């Protein structure tokens, strides 16, 4: 409830009756702990003022009674703060005043039209809100600084992800082009030796060929995990389908992929963010879900690119995982949320023990062609 209502109700009882120079009304006026004054309704000259107002502003009574309300205003006062309530008999406003010594004051005032010695006047009660305003302004400054710091951190996070992707791409190319090709050449040479070797040595050389082949396959897997070439050459849908098929085959999962509604010209950063979220989600299914089937879908929802990853696994306690993530024990879910947020998207997970898991991430509808325009 507004702090003015009880006082306003009492003031209303005094309308057309109050005279600060008479009897008990004078006692009420003078003894009020809140600063009060009476203004002429036409020229806003001070007709009466109580001791609380004198103490607050630092003027003598004679000085006050020789002034107008405008003499208290600071030059930077915002008069648009004044607001009149219906009927025109009540005035409410927040004003910037100054004490006699120039010290600034912010006040919240309420005034009622009253009769005073046969003339229209305003009985005004004010509340010093200077400290409250200062505190509010300080909080606003802190909030602005926090928002600025938060934005800088987000910009730094985005840049770190960009650098990480650049480094992943470089490592993937090095693994494929240098180490992969060297291992392929080595395999060919060992196979050539195997054909020319004595029968007694062929079995041992065959073991070497198998080791080289296993290492070559491992390098290929590492290269694809770091940065699949399909993502740069063929787009998000092709890269995601390839990754899903490869992981499902290794884990013995039935995989279903649907990208019939996916756009073709997605912004590069959005493609990367979407792929990394899907990659992490599929990894979680393989490692933790104990699922038989996984469904991945790319589509348009509300004009935004949407990614859905669903499984029929054992599910999990979402709140417990969030608590572990907050303590630094499990960062997969937090990492996906942050990556989606940095891309300007939204992220949702629905999970419960024994009910499988559904992940839904959406990304803003920014297209490569629109960025070029």
Protein backbone atom coordinates (compact mmCIF):
# COMPACT_ATOMS: atom_id res chain seq x y z
CA UNK A 1 0.00 0.00 0.00
CA UNK A 2 1.23 3.49 -0.86
CA UNK A 3 2.69 5.32 2.19
CA UNK A 4 0.69 8.37 1.19
CA UNK A 5 -2.78 6.79 1.46
CA UNK A 6 -3.33 7.01 5.24
CA UNK A 7 -1.96 10.54 5.31
CA UNK A 8 -3.95 11.53 2.25
CA UNK A 9 -7.13 10.26 3.90
CA UNK A 10 -6.49 12.40 6.96
CA UNK A 11 -5.64 15.39 4.81
CA UNK A 12 -8.87 14.98 2.90
CA UNK A 13 -10.81 15.36 6.15
CA UNK A 14 -9.17 18.72 6.59
CA UNK A 15 -9.98 20.01 3.11
CA UNK A 16 -11.72 23.39 3.26
CA UNK A 17 -11.31 23.44 7.06
CA UNK A 18 -7.59 23.59 7.73
CA UNK A 19 -5.98 26.76 8.97
CA UNK A 20 -2.43 26.29 10.26
CA UNK A 21 -2.89 29.39 12.41
CA UNK A 22 -5.79 27.97 14.41
CA UNK A 23 -6.15 25.49 17.26
CA UNK A 24 -5.43 21.83 16.95
CA UNK A 25 -4.83 22.04 13.19
CA UNK A 26 -1.89 24.30 13.85
CA UNK A 27 -0.57 21.73 16.34
CA UNK A 28 -0.98 18.95 13.77
CA UNK A 29 0.77 21.04 11.14
CA UNK A 30 3.66 22.12 13.34
CA UNK A 31 4.30 18.80 15.08
CA UNK A 32 4.32 16.67 11.93
CA UNK A 33 7.66 14.86 11.49
CA UNK A 34 7.17 15.23 7.75
CA UNK A 35 7.95 18.59 6.12
CA UNK A 36 4.73 20.44 5.27
CA UNK A 37 3.76 23.80 3.84
CA UNK A 38 0.83 25.71 2.47
CA UNK A 39 1.05 27.36 -0.97
CA UNK A 40 -1.17 29.94 -2.58
CA UNK A 41 -2.90 28.03 -5.39
CA UNK A 42 -2.41 30.83 -7.91
CA UNK A 43 1.15 32.13 -7.56
CA UNK A 44 2.51 29.26 -5.40
CA UNK A 45 3.85 31.60 -2.71
CA UNK A 46 4.49 30.04 0.67
CA UNK A 47 1.71 30.94 3.12
CA UNK A 48 2.84 28.68 5.98
CA UNK A 49 5.63 26.21 6.67
CA UNK A 50 6.31 23.81 9.54
CA UNK A 51 9.50 23.25 11.52
CA UNK A 52 10.33 19.97 9.75
CA UNK A 53 10.48 21.80 6.42
CA UNK A 54 12.67 24.53 7.94
CA UNK A 55 15.11 21.91 9.25
CA UNK A 56 15.21 20.06 5.94
CA UNK A 57 15.82 23.10 3.75
CA UNK A 58 17.83 25.27 6.14
CA UNK A 59 15.81 28.47 5.63
CA UNK A 60 14.28 30.58 8.39
CA UNK A 61 10.53 30.93 8.51
CA UNK A 62 10.70 34.53 7.31
CA UNK A 63 12.89 33.48 4.37
CA UNK A 64 10.47 30.72 3.46
CA UNK A 65 7.45 33.01 3.62
CA UNK A 66 9.14 35.41 1.22
CA UNK A 67 9.70 32.72 -1.42
CA UNK A 68 7.76 30.80 -4.03
CA UNK A 69 7.85 27.06 -4.65
CA UNK A 70 9.93 27.65 -7.78
CA UNK A 71 12.71 29.15 -5.64
CA UNK A 72 13.42 25.68 -4.26
CA UNK A 73 13.81 24.07 -7.67
CA UNK A 74 17.18 23.08 -9.06
CA UNK A 75 18.02 24.07 -12.60
CA UNK A 76 18.00 20.43 -13.70
CA UNK A 77 14.56 19.68 -12.27
CA UNK A 78 12.41 17.53 -14.50
CA UNK A 79 8.98 19.11 -14.35
CA UNK A 80 7.52 16.30 -16.39
CA UNK A 81 7.59 14.28 -13.16
CA UNK A 82 4.53 16.24 -12.00
CA UNK A 83 1.35 14.19 -12.22
CA UNK A 84 -2.15 15.30 -11.29
CA UNK A 85 -4.74 12.80 -10.21
CA UNK A 86 -8.31 12.84 -11.61
CA UNK A 87 -10.46 15.67 -10.37
CA UNK A 88 -7.66 18.20 -10.11
CA UNK A 89 -7.77 18.38 -6.31
CA UNK A 90 -4.70 16.24 -5.62
CA UNK A 91 -1.20 16.95 -6.89
CA UNK A 92 1.57 14.35 -6.85
CA UNK A 93 5.11 14.83 -8.03
CA UNK A 94 8.77 13.98 -7.67
CA UNK A 95 10.94 17.10 -7.77
CA UNK A 96 14.56 18.11 -7.60
CA UNK A 97 15.09 20.79 -4.98
CA UNK A 98 18.08 22.32 -3.25
CA UNK A 99 18.74 23.26 0.37
CA UNK A 100 19.77 26.80 1.22
CA UNK A 101 23.42 25.73 1.15
CA UNK A 102 22.99 24.33 -2.37
CA UNK A 103 22.95 20.69 -1.36
CA UNK A 104 20.65 18.78 -3.73
CA UNK A 105 17.39 17.24 -2.58
CA UNK A 106 15.01 14.82 -4.26
CA UNK A 107 11.52 14.94 -2.83
CA UNK A 108 8.25 13.13 -3.34
CA UNK A 109 5.33 15.44 -2.62
CA UNK A 110 1.56 15.21 -2.37
CA UNK A 111 -0.65 18.26 -2.24
CA UNK A 112 -4.38 18.77 -1.57
CA UNK A 113 -6.49 21.77 -2.44
CA UNK A 114 -7.71 23.34 0.80
CA UNK A 115 -9.39 26.48 1.91
CA UNK A 116 -7.06 28.75 3.81
CA UNK A 117 -8.34 32.05 5.15
CA UNK A 118 -10.92 32.30 2.45
CA UNK A 119 -8.59 31.53 -0.47
CA UNK A 120 -7.65 28.43 -2.44
CA UNK A 121 -4.40 26.95 -1.29
CA UNK A 122 -2.44 23.74 -1.42
CA UNK A 123 -1.46 21.82 1.68
CA UNK A 124 1.72 19.96 0.65
CA UNK A 125 3.40 17.10 2.50
CA UNK A 126 6.81 16.01 1.25
CA UNK A 127 9.09 13.05 1.75
CA UNK A 128 12.86 13.31 1.36
CA UNK A 129 13.85 10.56 -1.07
CA UNK A 130 17.36 11.81 -1.78
CA UNK A 131 19.13 8.75 -0.37
CA UNK A 132 16.68 6.43 -2.05
CA UNK A 133 17.31 8.12 -5.38
CA UNK A 134 21.06 7.99 -4.86
CA UNK A 135 20.85 4.32 -3.99
CA UNK A 136 18.70 3.65 -7.03
CA UNK A 137 21.09 5.54 -9.28
CA UNK A 138 24.04 3.66 -7.80
CA UNK A 139 22.26 0.36 -8.41
CA UNK A 140 21.51 1.40 -11.97
CA UNK A 141 25.18 2.22 -12.50
CA UNK A 142 26.18 -1.14 -11.06
CA UNK A 143 23.63 -2.90 -13.25
CA UNK A 144 24.92 -1.08 -16.33
CA UNK A 145 28.49 -2.01 -15.44
CA UNK A 146 27.47 -5.62 -14.82
CA UNK A 147 25.61 -5.72 -18.12
CA UNK A 148 28.65 -4.26 -19.87
CA UNK A 149 30.94 -6.78 -18.17
CA UNK A 150 28.56 -9.59 -19.04
CA UNK A 151 28.51 -8.53 -22.68
CA UNK A 152 32.30 -8.35 -22.74
CA UNK A 153 32.49 -11.85 -21.27
CA UNK A 154 30.05 -13.12 -23.87
CA UNK A 155 32.09 -11.46 -26.62
CA UNK A 156 35.22 -13.09 -25.20
CA UNK A 157 33.46 -16.46 -25.06
CA UNK A 158 32.36 -16.09 -28.67
CA UNK A 159 35.90 -15.23 -29.69
CA UNK A 160 37.31 -18.18 -27.75
CA UNK A 161 34.89 -20.50 -29.54
CA UNK A 162 35.91 -19.01 -32.87
CA UNK A 163 39.59 -19.54 -32.06
CA UNK A 164 38.82 -23.06 -30.88
CA UNK A 165 37.04 -23.88 -34.14
CA UNK A 166 39.89 -22.42 -36.17
CA UNK A 167 42.39 -24.54 -34.23
CA UNK A 168 40.22 -27.64 -34.58
CA UNK A 169 40.01 -27.08 -38.31
CA UNK A 170 43.77 -26.68 -38.58
CA UNK A 171 44.43 -29.82 -36.54
CA UNK A 172 41.86 -31.78 -38.53
CA UNK A 173 43.52 -30.78 -41.80
CA UNK A 174 46.97 -31.61 -40.44
CA UNK A 175 45.82 -35.03 -39.26
CA UNK A 176 44.16 -35.78 -42.57
CA UNK A 177 46.67 -34.29 -44.97
CA UNK A 178 49.96 -34.99 -43.20
CA UNK A 179 49.64 -37.82 -40.72
CA UNK A 180 46.84 -39.56 -42.58
CA UNK A 181 48.71 -39.52 -45.88
CA UNK A 182 51.95 -40.62 -44.20
CA UNK A 183 50.19 -43.56 -42.59
CA UNK A 184 48.57 -44.49 -45.89
CA UNK A 185 51.96 -44.48 -47.58
CA UNK A 186 53.40 -46.55 -44.74
CA UNK A 187 50.61 -49.09 -45.08
CA UNK A 188 51.21 -49.43 -48.80
CA UNK A 189 54.93 -49.96 -48.21
CA UNK A 190 54.35 -52.57 -45.49
CA UNK A 191 51.85 -54.40 -47.68
CA UNK A 192 54.43 -54.41 -50.45
CA UNK A 193 56.96 -55.93 -48.07
CA UNK A 194 54.40 -58.49 -47.02
CA UNK A 195 53.95 -59.71 -50.57
CA UNK A 196 57.70 -59.99 -51.13
CA UNK A 197 58.56 -61.46 -47.74
CA UNK A 198 59.28 -65.04 -46.87
CA UNK A 199 56.21 -66.99 -45.76
CA UNK A 200 57.51 -67.14 -42.21
CA UNK A 201 57.57 -63.33 -41.96
CA UNK A 202 54.24 -62.62 -43.64
CA UNK A 203 52.17 -63.24 -40.52
CA UNK A 204 54.23 -60.79 -38.46
CA UNK A 205 54.13 -58.18 -41.26
CA UNK A 206 50.37 -58.70 -41.48
CA UNK A 207 50.17 -57.71 -37.81
CA UNK A 208 52.09 -54.54 -38.67
CA UNK A 209 49.69 -53.79 -41.52
CA UNK A 210 46.75 -54.25 -39.14
CA UNK A 211 48.34 -51.89 -36.60
CA UNK A 212 48.91 -49.24 -39.26
CA UNK A 213 45.35 -49.67 -40.49
CA UNK A 214 43.97 -49.28 -36.95
CA UNK A 215 46.11 -46.17 -36.39
CA UNK A 216 44.98 -44.74 -39.72
CA UNK A 217 41.34 -45.31 -38.81
CA UNK A 218 41.87 -43.69 -35.42
CA UNK A 219 43.48 -40.64 -37.04
CA UNK A 220 40.55 -40.43 -39.44
CA UNK A 221 38.08 -40.55 -36.55
CA UNK A 222 40.00 -37.85 -34.67
CA UNK A 223 40.07 -35.66 -37.77
CA UNK A 224 36.32 -36.02 -38.30
CA UNK A 225 35.60 -35.29 -34.64
CA UNK A 226 37.73 -32.17 -34.67
CA UNK A 227 36.12 -30.68 -37.78
CA UNK A 228 34.27 -32.83 -40.33
CA UNK A 229 35.06 -31.66 -43.86
CA UNK A 230 31.37 -32.09 -44.79
CA UNK A 231 30.51 -29.16 -42.55
CA UNK A 232 32.57 -26.81 -44.72
CA UNK A 233 32.05 -28.53 -48.07
CA UNK A 234 28.49 -29.91 -47.98
CA UNK A 235 26.76 -28.12 -45.12
CA UNK A 236 25.20 -28.88 -41.75
CA UNK A 237 22.77 -31.61 -42.78
CA UNK A 238 25.41 -33.72 -44.54
CA UNK A 239 27.92 -33.32 -41.69
CA UNK A 240 25.34 -34.19 -39.06
CA UNK A 241 24.06 -37.22 -40.96
CA UNK A 242 27.61 -38.53 -41.41
CA UNK A 243 28.45 -38.00 -37.73
CA UNK A 244 25.24 -39.63 -36.53
CA UNK A 245 25.67 -42.69 -38.77
CA UNK A 246 29.29 -43.12 -37.69
CA UNK A 247 28.57 -42.86 -33.95
CA UNK A 248 25.45 -45.02 -34.13
CA UNK A 249 27.36 -47.72 -36.01
CA UNK A 250 30.13 -47.76 -33.41
CA UNK A 251 27.64 -47.87 -30.51
CA UNK A 252 25.17 -50.31 -32.08
CA UNK A 253 22.30 -47.80 -32.08
CA UNK A 254 19.44 -47.52 -34.52
CA UNK A 255 19.63 -43.99 -35.91
CA UNK A 256 16.94 -41.90 -37.62
CA UNK A 257 17.80 -38.61 -39.28
CA UNK A 258 15.42 -36.07 -40.82
CA UNK A 259 16.56 -32.84 -42.44
CA UNK A 260 13.85 -32.49 -45.08
CA UNK A 261 12.80 -29.09 -43.70
CA UNK A 262 16.31 -27.78 -43.00
CA UNK A 263 17.39 -24.60 -44.83
CA UNK A 264 20.37 -24.82 -47.14
CA UNK A 265 22.11 -21.46 -46.68
CA UNK A 266 22.66 -21.27 -42.93
CA UNK A 267 25.20 -18.86 -41.52
CA UNK A 268 28.56 -20.51 -40.86
CA UNK A 269 28.63 -19.67 -37.14
CA UNK A 270 25.11 -21.03 -36.69
CA UNK A 271 26.01 -24.23 -38.55
CA UNK A 272 29.01 -24.73 -36.30
CA UNK A 273 27.05 -24.07 -33.09
CA UNK A 274 24.25 -26.40 -34.15
CA UNK A 275 26.67 -29.16 -35.12
CA UNK A 276 28.61 -28.92 -31.85
CA UNK A 277 25.42 -29.09 -29.79
CA UNK A 278 24.25 -32.13 -31.76
CA UNK A 279 27.71 -33.70 -31.45
CA UNK A 280 27.66 -33.30 -27.66
CA UNK A 281 24.08 -34.57 -27.41
CA UNK A 282 24.85 -37.67 -29.50
CA UNK A 283 27.96 -38.33 -27.43
CA UNK A 284 25.86 -38.20 -24.27
CA UNK A 285 23.39 -40.69 -25.77
CA UNK A 286 26.22 -43.08 -26.67
CA UNK A 287 28.00 -42.78 -23.31
CA UNK A 288 25.21 -42.49 -20.79
CA UNK A 289 21.71 -43.11 -22.11
CA UNK A 290 21.84 -46.89 -22.70
CA UNK A 291 19.41 -46.24 -25.52
CA UNK A 292 18.43 -48.47 -28.42
CA UNK A 293 17.40 -45.70 -30.80
CA UNK A 294 18.28 -42.06 -31.37
CA UNK A 295 16.34 -39.58 -33.51
CA UNK A 296 17.94 -36.39 -34.87
CA UNK A 297 15.92 -33.79 -36.74
CA UNK A 298 16.73 -30.44 -38.37
CA UNK A 299 13.71 -28.28 -39.20
CA UNK A 300 12.23 -24.78 -39.18
CA UNK A 301 10.15 -23.68 -36.18
CA UNK A 302 8.74 -20.18 -36.04
CA UNK A 303 11.17 -19.00 -38.68
CA UNK A 304 14.16 -20.31 -36.69
CA UNK A 305 16.50 -23.21 -37.34
CA UNK A 306 15.65 -25.97 -34.85
CA UNK A 307 17.58 -29.05 -33.77
CA UNK A 308 15.94 -31.97 -31.97
CA UNK A 309 17.86 -34.92 -30.50
CA UNK A 310 15.72 -37.62 -28.87
CA UNK A 311 16.51 -41.06 -27.46
CA UNK A 312 14.65 -43.91 -25.78
CA UNK A 313 17.27 -44.40 -23.07
CA UNK A 314 17.12 -44.39 -19.31
CA UNK A 315 16.84 -40.61 -18.97
CA UNK A 316 18.22 -38.72 -15.99
CA UNK A 317 17.38 -36.34 -13.17
CA UNK A 318 17.70 -32.97 -14.87
CA UNK A 319 17.92 -30.93 -11.66
CA UNK A 320 20.62 -33.20 -10.23
CA UNK A 321 22.68 -32.79 -13.42
CA UNK A 322 22.27 -29.01 -13.25
CA UNK A 323 23.48 -29.02 -9.64
CA UNK A 324 26.53 -31.06 -10.59
CA UNK A 325 27.17 -28.69 -13.46
CA UNK A 326 26.97 -25.68 -11.14
CA UNK A 327 29.63 -27.28 -8.95
CA UNK A 328 31.86 -27.95 -11.96
CA UNK A 329 31.39 -31.73 -11.91
CA UNK A 330 29.43 -32.05 -15.17
CA UNK A 331 29.75 -29.31 -17.77
CA UNK A 332 28.24 -30.92 -20.86
CA UNK A 333 24.74 -29.51 -20.41
CA UNK A 334 26.04 -26.09 -19.36
CA UNK A 335 28.40 -26.04 -22.34
CA UNK A 336 25.56 -26.74 -24.77
CA UNK A 337 23.36 -24.08 -23.17
CA UNK A 338 26.14 -21.50 -23.32
CA UNK A 339 26.99 -22.26 -26.93
CA UNK A 340 23.34 -21.89 -27.97
CA UNK A 341 23.01 -18.66 -25.96
CA UNK A 342 26.12 -17.20 -27.60
CA UNK A 343 24.57 -17.95 -30.99
CA UNK A 344 21.43 -16.04 -29.93
CA UNK A 345 19.28 -19.15 -29.65
CA UNK A 346 17.20 -20.97 -27.06
CA UNK A 347 17.83 -24.31 -25.38
CA UNK A 348 15.52 -26.79 -23.70
CA UNK A 349 15.97 -30.29 -22.29
CA UNK A 350 13.17 -32.58 -21.17
CA UNK A 351 14.31 -35.60 -19.23
CA UNK A 352 13.23 -37.84 -16.37
CA UNK A 353 14.51 -41.20 -15.13
CA UNK A 354 13.30 -44.08 -17.32
CA UNK A 355 11.61 -41.79 -19.86
CA UNK A 356 14.38 -40.99 -22.32
CA UNK A 357 15.62 -37.51 -23.17
CA UNK A 358 14.59 -34.82 -25.63
CA UNK A 359 16.87 -31.88 -26.46
CA UNK A 360 15.57 -28.93 -28.46
CA UNK A 361 17.76 -26.03 -29.56
CA UNK A 362 16.68 -23.17 -31.82
CA UNK A 363 18.84 -20.63 -33.57
CA UNK A 364 18.04 -17.19 -35.05
CA UNK A 365 16.98 -17.14 -38.70
CA UNK A 366 20.15 -15.54 -40.03
CA UNK A 367 21.13 -16.79 -43.46
CA UNK A 368 24.46 -16.49 -45.23
CA UNK A 369 22.80 -14.71 -48.16
CA UNK A 370 21.20 -12.18 -45.79
CA UNK A 371 24.54 -11.50 -44.11
CA UNK A 372 26.13 -10.80 -47.48
CA UNK A 373 23.33 -8.37 -48.33
